[in-house]
PDB file of N, CA and C in Angstrom:
ATOM      1  N   MET A   1      81.315 112.675  36.120  1.00  0.00           N
ATOM      2  CA  MET A   1      81.366 112.456  34.689  1.00  0.00           C
ATOM      3  C   MET A   1      82.741 111.872  34.365  1.00  0.00           C
ATOM      4  N   ALA A   2      82.769 110.607  34.031  1.00  0.00           N
ATOM      5  CA  ALA A   2      84.034 109.958  33.699  1.00  0.00           C
ATOM      6  C   ALA A   2      83.765 108.752  32.815  1.00  0.00           C
ATOM      7  N   PHE A   3      84.790 108.263  32.192  1.00  0.00           N
ATOM      8  CA  PHE A   3      84.695 107.114  31.319  1.00  0.00           C
ATOM      9  C   PHE A   3      85.726 106.089  31.753  1.00  0.00           C
ATOM     10  N   CYS A   4      85.512 104.848  31.395  1.00  0.00           N
ATOM     11  CA  CYS A   4      86.483 103.799  31.686  1.00  0.00           C
ATOM     12  C   CYS A   4      87.627 103.873  30.686  1.00  0.00           C
ATOM     13  N   GLY A   5      88.749 103.379  31.086  1.00  0.00           N
ATOM     14  CA  GLY A   5      89.874 103.311  30.172  1.00  0.00           C
ATOM     15  C   GLY A   5      90.889 104.401  30.394  1.00  0.00           C
ATOM     16  N   THR A   6      92.057 104.177  29.847  1.00  0.00           N
ATOM     17  CA  THR A   6      93.151 105.133  30.039  1.00  0.00           C
ATOM     18  C   THR A   6      93.354 106.038  28.841  1.00  0.00           C
ATOM     19  N   ASP A   7      92.616 105.813  27.757  1.00  0.00           N
ATOM     20  CA  ASP A   7      92.792 106.629  26.560  1.00  0.00           C
ATOM     21  C   ASP A   7      91.854 107.827  26.505  1.00  0.00           C
ATOM     22  N   SER A   8      90.919 107.891  27.392  1.00  0.00           N
ATOM     23  CA  SER A   8      89.925 108.951  27.389  1.00  0.00           C
ATOM     24  C   SER A   8      90.512 110.256  27.915  1.00  0.00           C
ATOM     25  N   VAL A   9      90.030 111.369  27.375  1.00  0.00           N
ATOM     26  CA  VAL A   9      90.429 112.682  27.888  1.00  0.00           C
ATOM     27  C   VAL A   9      89.978 112.819  29.346  1.00  0.00           C
ATOM     28  N   MET A  10      89.013 112.007  29.746  1.00  0.00           N
ATOM     29  CA  MET A  10      88.482 112.060  31.098  1.00  0.00           C
ATOM     30  C   MET A  10      89.298 111.243  32.100  1.00  0.00           C
ATOM     31  N   LYS A  11      90.415 110.677  31.659  1.00  0.00           N
ATOM     32  CA  LYS A  11      91.203 109.805  32.520  1.00  0.00           C
ATOM     33  C   LYS A  11      91.665 110.482  33.810  1.00  0.00           C
ATOM     34  N   ASP A  12      91.782 111.808  33.795  1.00  0.00           N
ATOM     35  CA  ASP A  12      92.204 112.517  35.006  1.00  0.00           C
ATOM     36  C   ASP A  12      91.167 112.430  36.123  1.00  0.00           C
ATOM     37  N   LEU A  13      89.937 112.060  35.799  1.00  0.00           N
ATOM     38  CA  LEU A  13      88.897 111.933  36.825  1.00  0.00           C
ATOM     39  C   LEU A  13      88.782 110.511  37.360  1.00  0.00           C
ATOM     40  N   VAL A  14      89.507 109.580  36.773  1.00  0.00           N
ATOM     41  CA  VAL A  14      89.503 108.199  37.268  1.00  0.00           C
ATOM     42  C   VAL A  14      90.662 108.094  38.250  1.00  0.00           C
ATOM     43  N   TYR A  15      90.346 108.110  39.550  1.00  0.00           N
ATOM     44  CA  TYR A  15      91.380 108.218  40.574  1.00  0.00           C
ATOM     45  C   TYR A  15      91.546 106.959  41.413  1.00  0.00           C
ATOM     46  N   GLY A  16      91.079 105.842  40.883  1.00  0.00           N
ATOM     47  CA  GLY A  16      91.263 104.594  41.603  1.00  0.00           C
ATOM     48  C   GLY A  16      90.880 103.421  40.729  1.00  0.00           C
ATOM     49  N   ARG A  17      91.182 102.230  41.240  1.00  0.00           N
ATOM     50  CA  ARG A  17      90.792 101.022  40.510  1.00  0.00           C
ATOM     51  C   ARG A  17      90.456  99.936  41.514  1.00  0.00           C
ATOM     52  N   TYR A  18      89.521  99.112  41.126  1.00  0.00           N
ATOM     53  CA  TYR A  18      89.088  98.013  41.968  1.00  0.00           C
ATOM     54  C   TYR A  18      89.962  96.795  41.703  1.00  0.00           C
ATOM     55  N   ILE A  19      90.441  96.169  42.762  1.00  0.00           N
ATOM     56  CA  ILE A  19      91.249  94.958  42.656  1.00  0.00           C
ATOM     57  C   ILE A  19      90.398  93.804  43.165  1.00  0.00           C
ATOM     58  N   PRO A  20      89.763  93.065  42.256  1.00  0.00           N
ATOM     59  CA  PRO A  20      88.809  92.019  42.651  1.00  0.00           C
ATOM     60  C   PRO A  20      89.394  90.931  43.554  1.00  0.00           C
ATOM     61  N   LYS A  21      90.617  90.474  43.275  1.00  0.00           N
ATOM     62  CA  LYS A  21      91.206  89.388  44.074  1.00  0.00           C
ATOM     63  C   LYS A  21      91.380  89.776  45.532  1.00  0.00           C
ATOM     64  N   GLU A  22      91.564  91.070  45.770  1.00  0.00           N
ATOM     65  CA  GLU A  22      91.759  91.551  47.137  1.00  0.00           C
ATOM     66  C   GLU A  22      90.514  92.243  47.682  1.00  0.00           C
ATOM     67  N   ASP A  23      89.500  92.377  46.829  1.00  0.00           N
ATOM     68  CA  ASP A  23      88.249  93.047  47.183  1.00  0.00           C
ATOM     69  C   ASP A  23      88.509  94.420  47.824  1.00  0.00           C
ATOM     70  N   ARG A  24      89.323  95.200  47.136  1.00  0.00           N
ATOM     71  CA  ARG A  24      89.641  96.538  47.649  1.00  0.00           C
ATOM     72  C   ARG A  24      89.814  97.515  46.494  1.00  0.00           C
ATOM     73  N   ILE A  25      89.765  98.776  46.843  1.00  0.00           N
ATOM     74  CA  ILE A  25      89.989  99.845  45.869  1.00  0.00           C
ATOM     75  C   ILE A  25      91.357 100.447  46.139  1.00  0.00           C
ATOM     76  N   GLU A  26      92.139 100.583  45.093  1.00  0.00           N
ATOM     77  CA  GLU A  26      93.448 101.223  45.181  1.00  0.00           C
ATOM     78  C   GLU A  26      93.314 102.640  44.647  1.00  0.00           C
ATOM     79  N   TYR A  27      93.594 103.623  45.481  1.00  0.00           N
ATOM     80  CA  TYR A  27      93.454 105.025  45.096  1.00  0.00           C
ATOM     81  C   TYR A  27      94.768 105.582  44.575  1.00  0.00           C
ATOM     82  N   ASP A  28      94.668 106.466  43.609  1.00  0.00           N
ATOM     83  CA  ASP A  28      95.825 107.137  43.020  1.00  0.00           C
ATOM     84  C   ASP A  28      95.885 108.542  43.613  1.00  0.00           C
ATOM     85  N   GLN A  29      96.749 108.725  44.589  1.00  0.00           N
ATOM     86  CA  GLN A  29      96.822 109.999  45.307  1.00  0.00           C
ATOM     87  C   GLN A  29      97.221 111.153  44.398  1.00  0.00           C
ATOM     88  N   GLU A  30      98.031 110.903  43.378  1.00  0.00           N
ATOM     89  CA  GLU A  30      98.398 111.977  42.440  1.00  0.00           C
ATOM     90  C   GLU A  30      97.169 112.492  41.699  1.00  0.00           C
ATOM     91  N   LYS A  31      96.295 111.593  41.276  1.00  0.00           N
ATOM     92  CA  LYS A  31      95.061 111.999  40.588  1.00  0.00           C
ATOM     93  C   LYS A  31      94.157 112.769  41.548  1.00  0.00           C
ATOM     94  N   ILE A  32      94.059 112.297  42.775  1.00  0.00           N
ATOM     95  CA  ILE A  32      93.237 112.985  43.776  1.00  0.00           C
ATOM     96  C   ILE A  32      93.769 114.395  44.000  1.00  0.00           C
ATOM     97  N   ASN A  33      95.080 114.521  44.117  1.00  0.00           N
ATOM     98  CA  ASN A  33      95.690 115.846  44.306  1.00  0.00           C
ATOM     99  C   ASN A  33      95.444 116.751  43.106  1.00  0.00           C
ATOM    100  N   LEU A  34      95.508 116.183  41.899  1.00  0.00           N
ATOM    101  CA  LEU A  34      95.254 116.975  40.694  1.00  0.00           C
ATOM    102  C   LEU A  34      93.822 117.507  40.699  1.00  0.00           C
ATOM    103  N   ILE A  35      92.864 116.656  41.013  1.00  0.00           N
ATOM    104  CA  ILE A  35      91.458 117.082  41.068  1.00  0.00           C
ATOM    105  C   ILE A  35      91.286 118.166  42.120  1.00  0.00           C
ATOM    106  N   ARG A  36      91.873 117.964  43.278  1.00  0.00           N
ATOM    107  CA  ARG A  36      91.766 118.957  44.358  1.00  0.00           C
ATOM    108  C   ARG A  36      92.439 120.281  44.004  1.00  0.00           C
ATOM    109  N   SER A  37      93.396 120.240  43.075  1.00  0.00           N
ATOM    110  CA  SER A  37      94.103 121.471  42.714  1.00  0.00           C
ATOM    111  C   SER A  37      93.282 122.367  41.788  1.00  0.00           C
ATOM    112  N   ARG A  38      92.158 121.872  41.300  1.00  0.00           N
ATOM    113  CA  ARG A  38      91.306 122.716  40.441  1.00  0.00           C
ATOM    114  C   ARG A  38      90.552 123.701  41.337  1.00  0.00           C
ATOM    115  N   ARG A  39      91.232 124.727  41.683  1.00  0.00           N
ATOM    116  CA  ARG A  39      90.685 125.786  42.536  1.00  0.00           C
ATOM    117  C   ARG A  39      90.776 127.102  41.778  1.00  0.00           C
ATOM    118  N   THR A  40      89.968 128.023  42.169  1.00  0.00           N
ATOM    119  CA  THR A  40      89.937 129.300  41.463  1.00  0.00           C
ATOM    120  C   THR A  40      91.305 129.970  41.415  1.00  0.00           C
ATOM    121  N   GLN A  41      92.081 129.851  42.471  1.00  0.00           N
ATOM    122  CA  GLN A  41      93.394 130.498  42.475  1.00  0.00           C
ATOM    123  C   GLN A  41      94.362 129.854  41.480  1.00  0.00           C
ATOM    124  N   ASN A  42      94.058 128.659  40.978  1.00  0.00           N
ATOM    125  CA  ASN A  42      94.895 127.989  39.986  1.00  0.00           C
ATOM    126  C   ASN A  42      94.322 128.095  38.571  1.00  0.00           C
ATOM    127  N   MET A  43      93.301 128.908  38.389  1.00  0.00           N
ATOM    128  CA  MET A  43      92.644 129.032  37.093  1.00  0.00           C
ATOM    129  C   MET A  43      92.748 130.474  36.601  1.00  0.00           C
ATOM    130  N   PRO A  44      93.786 130.777  35.819  1.00  0.00           N
ATOM    131  CA  PRO A  44      94.037 132.156  35.385  1.00  0.00           C
ATOM    132  C   PRO A  44      92.845 132.822  34.703  1.00  0.00           C
ATOM    133  N   HIS A  45      92.081 132.080  33.928  1.00  0.00           N
ATOM    134  CA  HIS A  45      90.948 132.661  33.210  1.00  0.00           C
ATOM    135  C   HIS A  45      89.860 133.163  34.156  1.00  0.00           C
ATOM    136  N   CYS A  46      89.847 132.655  35.368  1.00  0.00           N
ATOM    137  CA  CYS A  46      88.781 132.999  36.317  1.00  0.00           C
ATOM    138  C   CYS A  46      89.143 134.174  37.235  1.00  0.00           C
ATOM    139  N   GLN A  47      90.391 134.540  37.299  1.00  0.00           N
ATOM    140  CA  GLN A  47      90.853 135.496  38.302  1.00  0.00           C
ATOM    141  C   GLN A  47      90.106 136.826  38.325  1.00  0.00           C
ATOM    142  N   SER A  48      89.763 137.365  37.185  1.00  0.00           N
ATOM    143  CA  SER A  48      89.114 138.678  37.163  1.00  0.00           C
ATOM    144  C   SER A  48      87.600 138.580  36.975  1.00  0.00           C
ATOM    145  N   CYS A  49      87.049 137.388  37.067  1.00  0.00           N
ATOM    146  CA  CYS A  49      85.609 137.209  36.851  1.00  0.00           C
ATOM    147  C   CYS A  49      84.816 137.662  38.077  1.00  0.00           C
ATOM    148  N   PRO A  50      83.767 138.438  37.883  1.00  0.00           N
ATOM    149  CA  PRO A  50      82.982 138.922  39.015  1.00  0.00           C
ATOM    150  C   PRO A  50      82.169 137.827  39.716  1.00  0.00           C
ATOM    151  N   VAL A  51      81.976 136.697  39.080  1.00  0.00           N
ATOM    152  CA  VAL A  51      81.216 135.613  39.719  1.00  0.00           C
ATOM    153  C   VAL A  51      82.113 134.413  40.028  1.00  0.00           C
ATOM    154  N   LEU A  52      83.385 134.691  40.215  1.00  0.00           N
ATOM    155  CA  LEU A  52      84.387 133.676  40.487  1.00  0.00           C
ATOM    156  C   LEU A  52      83.943 132.652  41.530  1.00  0.00           C
ATOM    157  N   LYS A  53      83.458 133.119  42.671  1.00  0.00           N
ATOM    158  CA  LYS A  53      83.123 132.211  43.767  1.00  0.00           C
ATOM    159  C   LYS A  53      81.789 131.503  43.582  1.00  0.00           C
ATOM    160  N   ASN A  54      81.062 131.859  42.571  1.00  0.00           N
ATOM    161  CA  ASN A  54      79.792 131.191  42.299  1.00  0.00           C
ATOM    162  C   ASN A  54      79.880 130.267  41.098  1.00  0.00           C
ATOM    163  N   CYS A  55      81.012 130.229  40.463  1.00  0.00           N
ATOM    164  CA  CYS A  55      81.132 129.426  39.249  1.00  0.00           C
ATOM    165  C   CYS A  55      82.406 128.587  39.254  1.00  0.00           C
ATOM    166  N   ALA A  56      83.551 129.220  39.364  1.00  0.00           N
ATOM    167  CA  ALA A  56      84.846 128.548  39.360  1.00  0.00           C
ATOM    168  C   ALA A  56      85.064 127.695  38.121  1.00  0.00           C
ATOM    169  N   GLY A  57      84.718 128.238  36.973  1.00  0.00           N
ATOM    170  CA  GLY A  57      84.953 127.537  35.722  1.00  0.00           C
ATOM    171  C   GLY A  57      83.847 126.589  35.303  1.00  0.00           C
ATOM    172  N   ALA A  58      82.763 126.579  36.036  1.00  0.00           N
ATOM    173  CA  ALA A  58      81.607 125.715  35.758  1.00  0.00           C
ATOM    174  C   ALA A  58      81.961 124.244  35.968  1.00  0.00           C
ATOM    175  N   CYS A  59      81.268 123.370  35.308  1.00  0.00           N
ATOM    176  CA  CYS A  59      81.374 121.930  35.542  1.00  0.00           C
ATOM    177  C   CYS A  59      82.746 121.374  35.144  1.00  0.00           C
ATOM    178  N   LEU A  60      83.434 120.793  36.091  1.00  0.00           N
ATOM    179  CA  LEU A  60      84.756 120.213  35.850  1.00  0.00           C
ATOM    180  C   LEU A  60      84.710 119.165  34.748  1.00  0.00           C
ATOM    181  N   GLY A  61      83.778 118.238  34.809  1.00  0.00           N
ATOM    182  CA  GLY A  61      83.699 117.169  33.816  1.00  0.00           C
ATOM    183  C   GLY A  61      83.485 117.692  32.412  1.00  0.00           C
ATOM    184  N   GLU A  62      82.578 118.629  32.279  1.00  0.00           N
ATOM    185  CA  GLU A  62      82.303 119.189  30.956  1.00  0.00           C
ATOM    186  C   GLU A  62      83.506 119.976  30.434  1.00  0.00           C
ATOM    187  N   ALA A  63      84.105 120.777  31.297  1.00  0.00           N
ATOM    188  CA  ALA A  63      85.262 121.577  30.876  1.00  0.00           C
ATOM    189  C   ALA A  63      86.427 120.673  30.474  1.00  0.00           C
ATOM    190  N   LEU A  64      86.700 119.651  31.257  1.00  0.00           N
ATOM    191  CA  LEU A  64      87.781 118.716  30.930  1.00  0.00           C
ATOM    192  C   LEU A  64      87.490 118.004  29.617  1.00  0.00           C
ATOM    193  N   ASN A  65      86.265 117.550  29.450  1.00  0.00           N
ATOM    194  CA  ASN A  65      85.881 116.839  28.233  1.00  0.00           C
ATOM    195  C   ASN A  65      86.044 117.719  27.001  1.00  0.00           C
ATOM    196  N   GLU A  66      85.707 118.987  27.117  1.00  0.00           N
ATOM    197  CA  GLU A  66      85.750 119.883  25.964  1.00  0.00           C
ATOM    198  C   GLU A  66      87.109 120.518  25.718  1.00  0.00           C
ATOM    199  N   THR A  67      87.901 120.714  26.784  1.00  0.00           N
ATOM    200  CA  THR A  67      89.181 121.414  26.620  1.00  0.00           C
ATOM    201  C   THR A  67      90.396 120.503  26.755  1.00  0.00           C
ATOM    202  N   GLY A  68      90.228 119.361  27.406  1.00  0.00           N
ATOM    203  CA  GLY A  68      91.353 118.458  27.637  1.00  0.00           C
ATOM    204  C   GLY A  68      92.210 118.851  28.826  1.00  0.00           C
ATOM    205  N   SER A  69      91.797 119.895  29.547  1.00  0.00           N
ATOM    206  CA  SER A  69      92.566 120.359  30.706  1.00  0.00           C
ATOM    207  C   SER A  69      91.687 120.377  31.945  1.00  0.00           C
ATOM    208  N   ILE A  70      92.240 119.924  33.041  1.00  0.00           N
ATOM    209  CA  ILE A  70      91.493 119.935  34.303  1.00  0.00           C
ATOM    210  C   ILE A  70      91.260 121.379  34.772  1.00  0.00           C
ATOM    211  N   PHE A  71      92.029 122.315  34.226  1.00  0.00           N
ATOM    212  CA  PHE A  71      91.857 123.726  34.559  1.00  0.00           C
ATOM    213  C   PHE A  71      91.101 124.473  33.463  1.00  0.00           C
ATOM    214  N   GLY A  72      90.563 123.743  32.510  1.00  0.00           N
ATOM    215  CA  GLY A  72      89.836 124.350  31.401  1.00  0.00           C
ATOM    216  C   GLY A  72      88.537 124.998  31.829  1.00  0.00           C
ATOM    217  N   ILE A  73      88.070 125.898  30.987  1.00  0.00           N
ATOM    218  CA  ILE A  73      86.783 126.565  31.207  1.00  0.00           C
ATOM    219  C   ILE A  73      85.981 126.490  29.920  1.00  0.00           C
ATOM    220  N   LYS A  74      84.710 126.823  30.038  1.00  0.00           N
ATOM    221  CA  LYS A  74      83.833 126.851  28.871  1.00  0.00           C
ATOM    222  C   LYS A  74      83.386 128.297  28.676  1.00  0.00           C
ATOM    223  N   PRO A  75      84.078 129.056  27.831  1.00  0.00           N
ATOM    224  CA  PRO A  75      83.802 130.495  27.702  1.00  0.00           C
ATOM    225  C   PRO A  75      82.346 130.839  27.414  1.00  0.00           C
ATOM    226  N   HIS A  76      81.658 130.044  26.604  1.00  0.00           N
ATOM    227  CA  HIS A  76      80.255 130.354  26.312  1.00  0.00           C
ATOM    228  C   HIS A  76      79.382 130.162  27.552  1.00  0.00           C
ATOM    229  N   VAL A  77      79.762 129.235  28.416  1.00  0.00           N
ATOM    230  CA  VAL A  77      79.029 129.049  29.670  1.00  0.00           C
ATOM    231  C   VAL A  77      79.364 130.194  30.624  1.00  0.00           C
ATOM    232  N   CYS A  78      80.613 130.626  30.629  1.00  0.00           N
ATOM    233  CA  CYS A  78      81.007 131.761  31.470  1.00  0.00           C
ATOM    234  C   CYS A  78      80.161 132.990  31.123  1.00  0.00           C
ATOM    235  N   GLU A  79      80.002 133.216  29.847  1.00  0.00           N
ATOM    236  CA  GLU A  79      79.210 134.359  29.396  1.00  0.00           C
ATOM    237  C   GLU A  79      77.765 134.248  29.902  1.00  0.00           C
ATOM    238  N   ALA A  80      77.185 133.070  29.804  1.00  0.00           N
ATOM    239  CA  ALA A  80      75.807 132.868  30.260  1.00  0.00           C
ATOM    240  C   ALA A  80      75.694 133.045  31.773  1.00  0.00           C
ATOM    241  N   ILE A  81      76.666 132.533  32.513  1.00  0.00           N
ATOM    242  CA  ILE A  81      76.634 132.648  33.971  1.00  0.00           C
ATOM    243  C   ILE A  81      76.765 134.102  34.398  1.00  0.00           C
ATOM    244  N   ARG A  82      77.638 134.857  33.752  1.00  0.00           N
ATOM    245  CA  ARG A  82      77.765 136.288  34.079  1.00  0.00           C
ATOM    246  C   ARG A  82      76.472 137.039  33.741  1.00  0.00           C
ATOM    247  N   TYR A  83      75.845 136.679  32.644  1.00  0.00           N
ATOM    248  CA  TYR A  83      74.569 137.290  32.261  1.00  0.00           C
ATOM    249  C   TYR A  83      73.517 137.025  33.349  1.00  0.00           C
ATOM    250  N   LEU A  84      73.401 135.774  33.762  1.00  0.00           N
ATOM    251  CA  LEU A  84      72.416 135.416  34.789  1.00  0.00           C
ATOM    252  C   LEU A  84      72.746 136.064  36.136  1.00  0.00           C
ATOM    253  N   ALA A  85      74.037 136.148  36.461  1.00  0.00           N
ATOM    254  CA  ALA A  85      74.448 136.718  37.745  1.00  0.00           C
ATOM    255  C   ALA A  85      74.025 138.177  37.888  1.00  0.00           C
ATOM    256  N   LYS A  86      73.923 138.879  36.769  1.00  0.00           N
ATOM    257  CA  LYS A  86      73.482 140.276  36.808  1.00  0.00           C
ATOM    258  C   LYS A  86      71.976 140.378  37.040  1.00  0.00           C
ATOM    259  N   ARG A  87      71.245 139.304  36.792  1.00  0.00           N
ATOM    260  CA  ARG A  87      69.790 139.366  36.803  1.00  0.00           C
ATOM    261  C   ARG A  87      69.119 138.552  37.909  1.00  0.00           C
ATOM    262  N   MET A  88      69.892 137.807  38.663  1.00  0.00           N
ATOM    263  CA  MET A  88      69.310 137.023  39.749  1.00  0.00           C
ATOM    264  C   MET A  88      70.286 136.971  40.924  1.00  0.00           C
ATOM    265  N   PRO A  89      69.792 136.704  42.130  1.00  0.00           N
ATOM    266  CA  PRO A  89      70.681 136.700  43.298  1.00  0.00           C
ATOM    267  C   PRO A  89      71.725 135.586  43.214  1.00  0.00           C
ATOM    268  N   LEU A  90      72.928 135.901  43.632  1.00  0.00           N
ATOM    269  CA  LEU A  90      73.987 134.904  43.693  1.00  0.00           C
ATOM    270  C   LEU A  90      73.831 134.092  44.968  1.00  0.00           C
ATOM    271  N   ASN A  91      74.590 133.013  45.076  1.00  0.00           N
ATOM    272  CA  ASN A  91      74.592 132.201  46.288  1.00  0.00           C
ATOM    273  C   ASN A  91      74.860 133.129  47.478  1.00  0.00           C
ATOM    274  N   GLN A  92      73.937 133.134  48.398  1.00  0.00           N
ATOM    275  CA  GLN A  92      74.050 134.045  49.540  1.00  0.00           C
ATOM    276  C   GLN A  92      74.366 133.290  50.826  1.00  0.00           C
ATOM    277  N   GLY A  93      75.147 132.215  50.690  1.00  0.00           N
ATOM    278  CA  GLY A  93      75.572 131.469  51.859  1.00  0.00           C
ATOM    279  C   GLY A  93      74.640 130.349  52.264  1.00  0.00           C
ATOM    280  N   LEU A  94      73.637 130.054  51.443  1.00  0.00           N
ATOM    281  CA  LEU A  94      72.704 128.995  51.793  1.00  0.00           C
ATOM    282  C   LEU A  94      73.291 127.610  51.577  1.00  0.00           C
ATOM    283  N   TYR A  95      74.288 127.532  50.718  1.00  0.00           N
ATOM    284  CA  TYR A  95      74.889 126.247  50.398  1.00  0.00           C
ATOM    285  C   TYR A  95      76.397 126.314  50.636  1.00  0.00           C
ATOM    286  N   SER A  96      76.971 125.198  51.010  1.00  0.00           N
ATOM    287  CA  SER A  96      78.404 125.195  51.343  1.00  0.00           C
ATOM    288  C   SER A  96      79.285 125.068  50.101  1.00  0.00           C
ATOM    289  N   HIS A  97      78.725 124.743  48.964  1.00  0.00           N
ATOM    290  CA  HIS A  97      79.535 124.572  47.756  1.00  0.00           C
ATOM    291  C   HIS A  97      79.525 125.850  46.915  1.00  0.00           C
ATOM    292  N   LEU A  98      80.452 125.937  46.005  1.00  0.00           N
ATOM    293  CA  LEU A  98      80.597 127.145  45.184  1.00  0.00           C
ATOM    294  C   LEU A  98      80.386 126.804  43.714  1.00  0.00           C
ATOM    295  N   HIS A  99      79.223 126.381  43.360  1.00  0.00           N
ATOM    296  CA  HIS A  99      78.905 125.975  41.996  1.00  0.00           C
ATOM    297  C   HIS A  99      77.620 126.693  41.594  1.00  0.00           C
ATOM    298  N   PRO A 100      77.461 127.013  40.299  1.00  0.00           N
ATOM    299  CA  PRO A 100      76.243 127.738  39.887  1.00  0.00           C
ATOM    300  C   PRO A 100      74.971 126.974  40.193  1.00  0.00           C
TER     301      PRO A 100
END
């Protein structure tokens, strides 16, 4: 989930640009590092959550779009995920990713 341009709140998810004359993509390593830094241990709001490893703040794109922070969360979604986690099995190792 990203938009073109540098004025968008989503600009942190645009981590490269295409250079047509050279037919190559130039990557922005700082942006890549920022995206990679969105981990549960860097998200204070998630630290005490019982479903931390199954959610990790929910969708990065949506949270960034709504909060303006790459470490943002969506509290109403957190509430729904915790509600569902009490009523259905959590990820039991079937998938390698940690997303609801």
